[in-house]
């Protein structure tokens, strides 16, 4: 029995280490390589795991995605879905800014159309992300548009949307692009429109703060700005024209920001 437990423990630790190494190689590690090779194109901040279709299909596994968000994924998506379902979107348009892994996009699309939305637009900088999102939405063909676009400089018309969903994008953007993305979110929303933004948040317990800080330093160093100088609610309210508030979960480690445009 003891031998079996020891073997199982070692196997689990090795699996965690291999998973961590895999994600580091295709996320932060890839960005470091780009910095050294001066490969700094328009999408240089985008991880390979989001652009290579083989990696997308390998990683986009719901239990794995839920585990990465400490099994709070369903709760965060459900908060956004509840907000959309409670809205009157009859004859209006909804924007999903940047694709995300897991079932968030199908759930958001279903909730938006159930609330009366005429059309949902999904925008992303990476074509493979759009193709992958489309493969999940066959049931809504003809009611969803897929557009190549940059969250920090959108081609869409000002005030064209009554809801905009941004799911775990900000923490991956370079600091100067975070503010631009929020500015674009405001430009695209009609007066009275709502931005739903799910992101990391500074946890309350010091132990979780230490663990989260370590995670960010290794995998997502751009995300630490969300703890202080680029905290989304403060940034939005500081811009003017917004009334933003957030609901946190898992000891404050995650948040859903609901921001209404004046």
C-alpha atoms as a PDB file:
ATOM      1  CA  UNK A   1       0.000   0.000   0.000  1.00  0.00           C
ATOM      2  CA  UNK A   2       2.791   2.389   0.963  1.00  0.00           C
ATOM      3  CA  UNK A   3       4.678   1.565  -2.235  1.00  0.00           C
ATOM      4  CA  UNK A   4       1.565   2.210  -4.328  1.00  0.00           C
ATOM      5  CA  UNK A   5       0.978   5.598  -2.658  1.00  0.00           C
ATOM      6  CA  UNK A   6       4.619   6.565  -3.144  1.00  0.00           C
ATOM      7  CA  UNK A   7       4.488   5.608  -6.821  1.00  0.00           C
ATOM      8  CA  UNK A   8       1.215   7.486  -7.320  1.00  0.00           C
ATOM      9  CA  UNK A   9       2.627  10.575  -5.586  1.00  0.00           C
ATOM     10  CA  UNK A  10       5.775  10.549  -7.694  1.00  0.00           C
ATOM     11  CA  UNK A  11       3.722  10.080 -10.867  1.00  0.00           C
ATOM     12  CA  UNK A  12       1.463  13.004  -9.909  1.00  0.00           C
ATOM     13  CA  UNK A  13       4.415  15.293  -9.192  1.00  0.00           C
ATOM     14  CA  UNK A  14       6.052  14.328 -12.483  1.00  0.00           C
ATOM     15  CA  UNK A  15       2.790  15.001 -14.332  1.00  0.00           C
ATOM     16  CA  UNK A  16       2.519  18.449 -12.749  1.00  0.00           C
ATOM     17  CA  UNK A  17       6.136  19.206 -13.603  1.00  0.00           C
ATOM     18  CA  UNK A  18       5.686  18.072 -17.206  1.00  0.00           C
ATOM     19  CA  UNK A  19       2.494  20.120 -17.554  1.00  0.00           C
ATOM     20  CA  UNK A  20       4.193  23.175 -16.088  1.00  0.00           C
ATOM     21  CA  UNK A  21       7.172  22.778 -18.409  1.00  0.00           C
ATOM     22  CA  UNK A  22       4.884  22.344 -21.429  1.00  0.00           C
ATOM     23  CA  UNK A  23       2.961  25.534 -20.671  1.00  0.00           C
ATOM     24  CA  UNK A  24       6.125  27.491 -19.919  1.00  0.00           C
ATOM     25  CA  UNK A  25       7.693  26.469 -23.237  1.00  0.00           C
ATOM     26  CA  UNK A  26       4.650  27.524 -25.252  1.00  0.00           C
ATOM     27  CA  UNK A  27       3.801  30.640 -23.243  1.00  0.00           C
ATOM     28  CA  UNK A  28       6.354  32.702 -21.347  1.00  0.00           C
ATOM     29  CA  UNK A  29       9.330  30.774 -22.709  1.00  0.00           C
ATOM     30  CA  UNK A  30       8.306  31.534 -26.287  1.00  0.00           C
ATOM     31  CA  UNK A  31       8.073  35.269 -25.522  1.00  0.00           C
ATOM     32  CA  UNK A  32      11.555  35.246 -24.043  1.00  0.00           C
ATOM     33  CA  UNK A  33      12.896  33.633 -27.215  1.00  0.00           C
ATOM     34  CA  UNK A  34      11.170  36.304 -29.298  1.00  0.00           C
ATOM     35  CA  UNK A  35      12.777  39.029 -27.221  1.00  0.00           C
ATOM     36  CA  UNK A  36      16.254  37.604 -27.816  1.00  0.00           C
ATOM     37  CA  UNK A  37      15.616  37.114 -31.538  1.00  0.00           C
ATOM     38  CA  UNK A  38      13.973  40.540 -31.983  1.00  0.00           C
ATOM     39  CA  UNK A  39      10.834  38.892 -33.399  1.00  0.00           C
ATOM     40  CA  UNK A  40       8.437  41.670 -32.397  1.00  0.00           C
ATOM     41  CA  UNK A  41       5.623  41.784 -34.900  1.00  0.00           C
ATOM     42  CA  UNK A  42       2.040  42.879 -34.312  1.00  0.00           C
ATOM     43  CA  UNK A  43       1.208  39.601 -32.558  1.00  0.00           C
ATOM     44  CA  UNK A  44       4.564  39.106 -30.825  1.00  0.00           C
ATOM     45  CA  UNK A  45       2.890  39.090 -27.407  1.00  0.00           C
ATOM     46  CA  UNK A  46       0.593  36.195 -28.411  1.00  0.00           C
ATOM     47  CA  UNK A  47       1.598  32.800 -27.073  1.00  0.00           C
ATOM     48  CA  UNK A  48       2.165  29.981 -29.630  1.00  0.00           C
ATOM     49  CA  UNK A  49      -0.377  27.894 -27.711  1.00  0.00           C
ATOM     50  CA  UNK A  50      -3.017  30.324 -29.014  1.00  0.00           C
ATOM     51  CA  UNK A  51      -1.951  30.373 -32.638  1.00  0.00           C
ATOM     52  CA  UNK A  52      -0.866  26.844 -33.607  1.00  0.00           C
ATOM     53  CA  UNK A  53      -3.945  24.738 -34.355  1.00  0.00           C
ATOM     54  CA  UNK A  54      -2.318  21.529 -33.121  1.00  0.00           C
ATOM     55  CA  UNK A  55      -1.551  23.130 -29.767  1.00  0.00           C
ATOM     56  CA  UNK A  56      -5.006  24.713 -29.579  1.00  0.00           C
ATOM     57  CA  UNK A  57      -6.691  21.330 -30.023  1.00  0.00           C
ATOM     58  CA  UNK A  58      -4.306  19.677 -27.573  1.00  0.00           C
ATOM     59  CA  UNK A  59      -4.795  22.238 -24.794  1.00  0.00           C
ATOM     60  CA  UNK A  60      -8.480  23.124 -25.195  1.00  0.00           C
ATOM     61  CA  UNK A  61      -9.688  20.371 -22.891  1.00  0.00           C
ATOM     62  CA  UNK A  62     -12.364  21.551 -20.466  1.00  0.00           C
ATOM     63  CA  UNK A  63     -11.086  19.759 -17.304  1.00  0.00           C
ATOM     64  CA  UNK A  64      -7.590  21.128 -17.905  1.00  0.00           C
ATOM     65  CA  UNK A  65      -8.840  24.667 -18.523  1.00  0.00           C
ATOM     66  CA  UNK A  66     -10.984  24.492 -15.394  1.00  0.00           C
ATOM     67  CA  UNK A  67      -8.015  23.262 -13.352  1.00  0.00           C
ATOM     68  CA  UNK A  68      -5.833  26.173 -14.542  1.00  0.00           C
ATOM     69  CA  UNK A  69      -8.416  28.543 -13.072  1.00  0.00           C
ATOM     70  CA  UNK A  70      -8.553  26.502  -9.857  1.00  0.00           C
ATOM     71  CA  UNK A  71     -11.941  25.078 -10.817  1.00  0.00           C
ATOM     72  CA  UNK A  72     -13.563  28.529 -10.791  1.00  0.00           C
ATOM     73  CA  UNK A  73     -14.075  28.555 -14.568  1.00  0.00           C
ATOM     74  CA  UNK A  74     -17.740  27.492 -14.463  1.00  0.00           C
ATOM     75  CA  UNK A  75     -18.545  30.020 -11.757  1.00  0.00           C
ATOM     76  CA  UNK A  76     -16.925  32.910 -13.659  1.00  0.00           C
ATOM     77  CA  UNK A  77     -18.636  32.060 -16.945  1.00  0.00           C
ATOM     78  CA  UNK A  78     -21.978  31.591 -15.200  1.00  0.00           C
ATOM     79  CA  UNK A  79     -21.748  35.115 -13.755  1.00  0.00           C
ATOM     80  CA  UNK A  80     -21.336  36.556 -17.247  1.00  0.00           C
ATOM     81  CA  UNK A  81     -24.062  34.342 -18.699  1.00  0.00           C
ATOM     82  CA  UNK A  82     -26.481  35.416 -15.959  1.00  0.00           C
ATOM     83  CA  UNK A  83     -25.808  39.061 -16.784  1.00  0.00           C
ATOM     84  CA  UNK A  84     -26.433  38.510 -20.480  1.00  0.00           C
ATOM     85  CA  UNK A  85     -29.615  36.527 -19.884  1.00  0.00           C
ATOM     86  CA  UNK A  86     -30.973  39.298 -17.664  1.00  0.00           C
ATOM     87  CA  UNK A  87     -30.358  41.918 -20.376  1.00  0.00           C
ATOM     88  CA  UNK A  88     -32.736  43.070 -23.082  1.00  0.00           C
ATOM     89  CA  UNK A  89     -30.639  42.484 -26.195  1.00  0.00           C
ATOM     90  CA  UNK A  90     -33.512  42.334 -28.686  1.00  0.00           C
ATOM     91  CA  UNK A  91     -32.309  43.449 -32.095  1.00  0.00           C
ATOM     92  CA  UNK A  92     -28.866  44.352 -30.726  1.00  0.00           C
ATOM     93  CA  UNK A  93     -25.312  43.155 -31.290  1.00  0.00           C
ATOM     94  CA  UNK A  94     -22.935  41.464 -28.852  1.00  0.00           C
ATOM     95  CA  UNK A  95     -19.143  41.429 -29.166  1.00  0.00           C
ATOM     96  CA  UNK A  96     -16.761  38.781 -27.862  1.00  0.00           C
ATOM     97  CA  UNK A  97     -13.322  40.396 -27.805  1.00  0.00           C
ATOM     98  CA  UNK A  98     -10.711  37.655 -28.206  1.00  0.00           C
ATOM     99  CA  UNK A  99     -11.403  33.938 -28.166  1.00  0.00           C
ATOM    100  CA  UNK A 100     -10.852  31.845 -25.055  1.00  0.00           C
ATOM    101  CA  UNK A 101     -10.467  28.141 -24.379  1.00  0.00           C
ATOM    102  CA  UNK A 102     -13.187  26.076 -22.784  1.00  0.00           C
ATOM    103  CA  UNK A 103     -16.926  26.472 -23.208  1.00  0.00           C
ATOM    104  CA  UNK A 104     -17.164  30.199 -22.496  1.00  0.00           C
ATOM    105  CA  UNK A 105     -17.838  31.173 -26.115  1.00  0.00           C
ATOM    106  CA  UNK A 106     -20.666  28.665 -26.754  1.00  0.00           C
ATOM    107  CA  UNK A 107     -22.285  29.622 -23.453  1.00  0.00           C
ATOM    108  CA  UNK A 108     -21.960  33.353 -24.115  1.00  0.00           C
ATOM    109  CA  UNK A 109     -23.325  33.023 -27.650  1.00  0.00           C
ATOM    110  CA  UNK A 110     -26.264  30.921 -26.477  1.00  0.00           C
ATOM    111  CA  UNK A 111     -27.094  33.387 -23.667  1.00  0.00           C
ATOM    112  CA  UNK A 112     -26.823  36.412 -25.969  1.00  0.00           C
ATOM    113  CA  UNK A 113     -29.135  34.949 -28.599  1.00  0.00           C
ATOM    114  CA  UNK A 114     -31.567  33.779 -25.918  1.00  0.00           C
ATOM    115  CA  UNK A 115     -31.699  37.376 -24.668  1.00  0.00           C
ATOM    116  CA  UNK A 116     -32.717  38.489 -28.158  1.00  0.00           C
ATOM    117  CA  UNK A 117     -29.422  39.546 -29.715  1.00  0.00           C
ATOM    118  CA  UNK A 118     -29.622  39.861 -33.469  1.00  0.00           C
ATOM    119  CA  UNK A 119     -25.985  38.963 -34.007  1.00  0.00           C
ATOM    120  CA  UNK A 120     -22.840  38.018 -32.105  1.00  0.00           C
ATOM    121  CA  UNK A 121     -19.438  39.145 -33.402  1.00  0.00           C
ATOM    122  CA  UNK A 122     -16.345  37.222 -32.303  1.00  0.00           C
ATOM    123  CA  UNK A 123     -13.095  39.091 -32.880  1.00  0.00           C
ATOM    124  CA  UNK A 124      -9.562  37.802 -32.515  1.00  0.00           C
ATOM    125  CA  UNK A 125      -6.084  38.642 -33.764  1.00  0.00           C
ATOM    126  CA  UNK A 126      -5.356  35.007 -34.642  1.00  0.00           C
ATOM    127  CA  UNK A 127      -7.194  33.282 -37.500  1.00  0.00           C
ATOM    128  CA  UNK A 128      -6.767  29.799 -36.029  1.00  0.00           C
ATOM    129  CA  UNK A 129      -8.521  30.931 -32.857  1.00  0.00           C
ATOM    130  CA  UNK A 130     -11.496  32.056 -34.925  1.00  0.00           C
ATOM    131  CA  UNK A 131     -11.544  28.788 -36.855  1.00  0.00           C
ATOM    132  CA  UNK A 132     -11.450  26.845 -33.606  1.00  0.00           C
ATOM    133  CA  UNK A 133     -14.235  28.949 -32.085  1.00  0.00           C
ATOM    134  CA  UNK A 134     -16.337  28.418 -35.188  1.00  0.00           C
ATOM    135  CA  UNK A 135     -15.972  24.652 -34.842  1.00  0.00           C
ATOM    136  CA  UNK A 136     -17.768  24.921 -31.480  1.00  0.00           C
ATOM    137  CA  UNK A 137     -20.662  26.984 -32.823  1.00  0.00           C
ATOM    138  CA  UNK A 138     -22.121  24.992 -35.705  1.00  0.00           C
ATOM    139  CA  UNK A 139     -25.587  25.277 -34.158  1.00  0.00           C
ATOM    140  CA  UNK A 140     -25.467  29.072 -34.511  1.00  0.00           C
ATOM    141  CA  UNK A 141     -24.230  29.310 -38.097  1.00  0.00           C
ATOM    142  CA  UNK A 142     -25.541  32.455 -39.757  1.00  0.00           C
ATOM    143  CA  UNK A 143     -26.019  34.336 -36.492  1.00  0.00           C
ATOM    144  CA  UNK A 144     -22.347  34.697 -35.562  1.00  0.00           C
ATOM    145  CA  UNK A 145     -19.681  36.689 -37.405  1.00  0.00           C
ATOM    146  CA  UNK A 146     -15.967  35.898 -37.081  1.00  0.00           C
ATOM    147  CA  UNK A 147     -13.621  38.831 -37.711  1.00  0.00           C
ATOM    148  CA  UNK A 148      -9.857  39.222 -37.631  1.00  0.00           C
ATOM    149  CA  UNK A 149      -9.328  42.212 -35.385  1.00  0.00           C
ATOM    150  CA  UNK A 150      -7.064  43.618 -32.691  1.00  0.00           C
ATOM    151  CA  UNK A 151      -8.582  44.265 -29.261  1.00  0.00           C
ATOM    152  CA  UNK A 152      -6.384  47.356 -28.902  1.00  0.00           C
ATOM    153  CA  UNK A 153      -7.352  48.909 -32.251  1.00  0.00           C
ATOM    154  CA  UNK A 154     -10.667  47.556 -33.479  1.00  0.00           C
ATOM    155  CA  UNK A 155     -12.121  48.083 -36.946  1.00  0.00           C
ATOM    156  CA  UNK A 156     -15.685  47.904 -35.648  1.00  0.00           C
ATOM    157  CA  UNK A 157     -17.885  51.008 -35.596  1.00  0.00           C
ATOM    158  CA  UNK A 158     -18.137  53.110 -32.454  1.00  0.00           C
ATOM    159  CA  UNK A 159     -21.200  52.351 -30.348  1.00  0.00           C
ATOM    160  CA  UNK A 160     -22.095  49.284 -32.415  1.00  0.00           C
ATOM    161  CA  UNK A 161     -22.515  46.863 -29.497  1.00  0.00           C
ATOM    162  CA  UNK A 162     -24.664  46.637 -26.407  1.00  0.00           C
ATOM    163  CA  UNK A 163     -22.547  44.006 -24.670  1.00  0.00           C
ATOM    164  CA  UNK A 164     -18.864  43.142 -24.866  1.00  0.00           C
ATOM    165  CA  UNK A 165     -17.229  40.110 -23.256  1.00  0.00           C
ATOM    166  CA  UNK A 166     -13.493  40.009 -22.543  1.00  0.00           C
ATOM    167  CA  UNK A 167     -12.464  36.751 -20.868  1.00  0.00           C
ATOM    168  CA  UNK A 168      -8.941  36.578 -19.403  1.00  0.00           C
ATOM    169  CA  UNK A 169      -7.237  38.712 -22.039  1.00  0.00           C
ATOM    170  CA  UNK A 170      -5.896  41.741 -20.143  1.00  0.00           C
ATOM    171  CA  UNK A 171      -3.341  39.867 -18.051  1.00  0.00           C
ATOM    172  CA  UNK A 172      -1.543  38.734 -21.214  1.00  0.00           C
ATOM    173  CA  UNK A 173      -1.338  42.151 -22.862  1.00  0.00           C
ATOM    174  CA  UNK A 174       1.722  44.403 -22.536  1.00  0.00           C
ATOM    175  CA  UNK A 175       0.990  47.164 -20.049  1.00  0.00           C
ATOM    176  CA  UNK A 176       0.530  49.930 -22.618  1.00  0.00           C
ATOM    177  CA  UNK A 177      -1.950  47.752 -24.528  1.00  0.00           C
ATOM    178  CA  UNK A 178      -4.123  47.048 -21.480  1.00  0.00           C
ATOM    179  CA  UNK A 179      -5.289  50.665 -21.380  1.00  0.00           C
ATOM    180  CA  UNK A 180      -5.859  50.695 -25.138  1.00  0.00           C
ATOM    181  CA  UNK A 181      -7.995  47.560 -24.941  1.00  0.00           C
ATOM    182  CA  UNK A 182     -10.166  49.108 -22.232  1.00  0.00           C
ATOM    183  CA  UNK A 183     -10.422  52.318 -24.249  1.00  0.00           C
ATOM    184  CA  UNK A 184     -11.565  50.371 -27.297  1.00  0.00           C
ATOM    185  CA  UNK A 185     -14.102  48.476 -25.199  1.00  0.00           C
ATOM    186  CA  UNK A 186     -15.619  51.823 -24.255  1.00  0.00           C
ATOM    187  CA  UNK A 187     -15.589  53.183 -27.800  1.00  0.00           C
ATOM    188  CA  UNK A 188     -17.403  50.155 -29.165  1.00  0.00           C
ATOM    189  CA  UNK A 189     -20.203  50.109 -26.593  1.00  0.00           C
ATOM    190  CA  UNK A 190     -23.421  52.026 -27.124  1.00  0.00           C
ATOM    191  CA  UNK A 191     -24.584  54.259 -24.233  1.00  0.00           C
ATOM    192  CA  UNK A 192     -25.993  51.964 -21.575  1.00  0.00           C
ATOM    193  CA  UNK A 193     -24.026  49.011 -22.940  1.00  0.00           C
ATOM    194  CA  UNK A 194     -22.235  46.595 -20.629  1.00  0.00           C
ATOM    195  CA  UNK A 195     -18.698  45.244 -20.541  1.00  0.00           C
ATOM    196  CA  UNK A 196     -18.206  41.858 -18.871  1.00  0.00           C
ATOM    197  CA  UNK A 197     -14.572  41.286 -18.042  1.00  0.00           C
ATOM    198  CA  UNK A 198     -13.246  38.187 -16.263  1.00  0.00           C
ATOM    199  CA  UNK A 199      -9.721  38.417 -14.886  1.00  0.00           C
ATOM    200  CA  UNK A 200      -7.309  37.642 -12.105  1.00  0.00           C
ATOM    201  CA  UNK A 201      -7.554  39.658  -8.886  1.00  0.00           C
ATOM    202  CA  UNK A 202      -5.225  40.127  -5.926  1.00  0.00           C
ATOM    203  CA  UNK A 203      -6.171  37.401  -3.431  1.00  0.00           C
ATOM    204  CA  UNK A 204      -6.753  38.247   0.219  1.00  0.00           C
ATOM    205  CA  UNK A 205      -4.832  35.494   2.126  1.00  0.00           C
ATOM    206  CA  UNK A 206      -1.090  36.142   2.176  1.00  0.00           C
ATOM    207  CA  UNK A 207      -0.332  32.488   1.378  1.00  0.00           C
ATOM    208  CA  UNK A 208      -2.414  32.655  -1.795  1.00  0.00           C
ATOM    209  CA  UNK A 209      -0.842  36.026  -2.618  1.00  0.00           C
ATOM    210  CA  UNK A 210       2.611  34.451  -2.407  1.00  0.00           C
ATOM    211  CA  UNK A 211       1.619  31.485  -4.571  1.00  0.00           C
ATOM    212  CA  UNK A 212      -0.118  33.711  -7.123  1.00  0.00           C
ATOM    213  CA  UNK A 213       2.843  36.116  -7.230  1.00  0.00           C
ATOM    214  CA  UNK A 214       5.151  33.181  -7.954  1.00  0.00           C
ATOM    215  CA  UNK A 215       2.831  31.891 -10.685  1.00  0.00           C
ATOM    216  CA  UNK A 216       2.701  35.302 -12.354  1.00  0.00           C
ATOM    217  CA  UNK A 217       6.447  35.815 -12.163  1.00  0.00           C
ATOM    218  CA  UNK A 218       7.066  32.480 -13.890  1.00  0.00           C
ATOM    219  CA  UNK A 219       4.189  32.298 -16.374  1.00  0.00           C
ATOM    220  CA  UNK A 220       2.361  35.638 -16.620  1.00  0.00           C
ATOM    221  CA  UNK A 221       4.568  38.557 -15.477  1.00  0.00           C
ATOM    222  CA  UNK A 222       2.353  41.069 -17.270  1.00  0.00           C
ATOM    223  CA  UNK A 223      -0.565  40.056 -15.081  1.00  0.00           C
ATOM    224  CA  UNK A 224       0.785  41.467 -11.820  1.00  0.00           C
ATOM    225  CA  UNK A 225      -0.137  44.984 -12.960  1.00  0.00           C
ATOM    226  CA  UNK A 226      -3.781  43.998 -12.493  1.00  0.00           C
ATOM    227  CA  UNK A 227      -3.132  43.888  -8.747  1.00  0.00           C
ATOM    228  CA  UNK A 228      -2.374  47.594  -8.475  1.00  0.00           C
ATOM    229  CA  UNK A 229      -1.641  50.235 -11.134  1.00  0.00           C
ATOM    230  CA  UNK A 230      -3.834  48.615 -13.810  1.00  0.00           C
ATOM    231  CA  UNK A 231      -6.579  47.165 -11.651  1.00  0.00           C
ATOM    232  CA  UNK A 232      -9.514  47.007 -14.126  1.00  0.00           C
ATOM    233  CA  UNK A 233     -12.268  48.573 -11.992  1.00  0.00           C
ATOM    234  CA  UNK A 234     -10.055  51.484 -10.964  1.00  0.00           C
ATOM    235  CA  UNK A 235      -8.854  51.995 -14.547  1.00  0.00           C
ATOM    236  CA  UNK A 236     -12.368  51.982 -16.009  1.00  0.00           C
ATOM    237  CA  UNK A 237     -13.835  54.304 -13.394  1.00  0.00           C
ATOM    238  CA  UNK A 238     -10.783  56.557 -13.742  1.00  0.00           C
ATOM    239  CA  UNK A 239     -11.387  56.937 -17.476  1.00  0.00           C
ATOM    240  CA  UNK A 240     -14.802  58.481 -16.905  1.00  0.00           C
ATOM    241  CA  UNK A 241     -17.981  57.404 -18.630  1.00  0.00           C
ATOM    242  CA  UNK A 242     -18.039  54.071 -16.799  1.00  0.00           C
ATOM    243  CA  UNK A 243     -19.711  52.682 -13.725  1.00  0.00           C
ATOM    244  CA  UNK A 244     -17.664  49.582 -12.964  1.00  0.00           C
ATOM    245  CA  UNK A 245     -17.858  47.090 -10.117  1.00  0.00           C
ATOM    246  CA  UNK A 246     -16.559  43.592  -9.593  1.00  0.00           C
ATOM    247  CA  UNK A 247     -17.474  40.360  -7.871  1.00  0.00           C
ATOM    248  CA  UNK A 248     -14.609  38.190  -6.678  1.00  0.00           C
ATOM    249  CA  UNK A 249     -14.359  34.497  -5.870  1.00  0.00           C
ATOM    250  CA  UNK A 250     -11.914  31.931  -4.462  1.00  0.00           C
ATOM    251  CA  UNK A 251     -10.571  34.199  -1.692  1.00  0.00           C
ATOM    252  CA  UNK A 252     -10.435  37.125  -4.100  1.00  0.00           C
ATOM    253  CA  UNK A 253      -8.177  35.399  -6.638  1.00  0.00           C
ATOM    254  CA  UNK A 254     -10.550  35.925  -9.593  1.00  0.00           C
ATOM    255  CA  UNK A 255     -13.089  38.551 -10.526  1.00  0.00           C
ATOM    256  CA  UNK A 256     -15.847  39.366 -12.979  1.00  0.00           C
ATOM    257  CA  UNK A 257     -16.050  43.081 -13.705  1.00  0.00           C
ATOM    258  CA  UNK A 258     -19.408  44.440 -14.821  1.00  0.00           C
ATOM    259  CA  UNK A 259     -19.015  47.929 -16.273  1.00  0.00           C
ATOM    260  CA  UNK A 260     -21.841  49.980 -17.760  1.00  0.00           C
ATOM    261  CA  UNK A 261     -21.183  52.709 -20.281  1.00  0.00           C
ATOM    262  CA  UNK A 262     -22.806  56.086 -19.552  1.00  0.00           C
END
